[in-house]
Amino acid sequence: MEVKAAGLSDVGLQREGNEDAFSIQSSLGLYLVADGMGGHLAGEIASRVAVEIIVKSFRRWAVADTPEDELFGYPESSLSRVGNYVLSGIRLANRVIYEMAAQCEQYSGMGTTLGALLVKPGLVVAANVGDSRVYMVRDGLIERISRDHTVVSEHIEMGVMTKEEAAQSPLRHILTRNLGSSENVDAEIFEMVPSGNDRFILCTDGLTDLTDDEEILGLAKSEKNPETLCKNLVDLALSRGGHDNATVVSVFLEDNDHSVRQGLFTKAGTSVRRSLRFLAQSGKKLSSRMLDLDTCRPISYTPSQGKQTNHPV
């Protein structure tokens, strides 16, 4: 199976800074997008810290083939080992951002959404928190394989609100989950079998606020280059006002033997409701490794200078 991927982030036409971040780690098969929020520079820091922690923790666990019972938080029995690596990385990122916000006044209230995709031979893992989305294009159809954690999304599921009403609702950007707002986080995570020529699109709401699923499908079906697809999608958001940062990561799969397997969900990870293993004994240790508490700044973080268009991590 051959995998091609590209990513693009644009500050948009109405923002001065870019609070989005993304990461393409083809050697790991790991792809991430994040949309930060919360005060001057805090959103930018939250998104970058989330992406960096997930990448670093996944790499460390994958290289060491770490057993599930040694991960951050209890493993989910319905997930593969690498699926639990993704889930535990999300949990760890959430805890670090939460502690940063709790201990540093200037970061109070900061957080970030997250969309994640892991591609391995015979396995795809998709996860999200918040309203950053993960789409799959297969056999000429588009499927949203993430779930928006917003007030209006829950209202739609309960039948209280229609999709048309939700699109106009002043509550449409109010999140019910994000990384950093609470000590623990419930992430949506699924595992599935890839098909011959799947295309995956990870994006922030700077794109999805200004487009619909069918428009994304139209561009994805007509484009064979993931880099060009990212540019076309970002350009579409800019052409409609670009009121927010817009970030897109495209991942194209190609089966070298051209076989097409049945694409179905093999496992669905349950929501994370168990307390984390290291709640009392190692919370401070985690933050001290990731955060300089004297300056309240992530150790590996370098402030951006001026306006950003691309913001990969």
Foldseek 3Di string as FASTA:
>chain_A
DDKDKDKWKFFFDADWAALKEWADDVVQQKIKIKAKDDADCLSNQLNVLLRVQLVVQLVVCVVVVPDQVPAWFHAFPLDDSSLSSNVSSNFLSLQLLQVLLVQDVRNPPMFMKMWMWGDDAFKIKTKIWAAWWKWKADPLDIDTPAQHQFPVSVCVVVVNDPPVRLLVDPRVRHGPTTRRPDNGGWMWMFMKTAWAKMKMKTKDVLQPNQDPPVVLSVLVVVDDHNNVSNVVSVVSSNVRRRNGMMMMMMMIHHDPVSGTDDIDTSGTGDIDDDDIPCVDPCSVVSNVQQADSVVSHGPPDDDDDTYDTGHYD
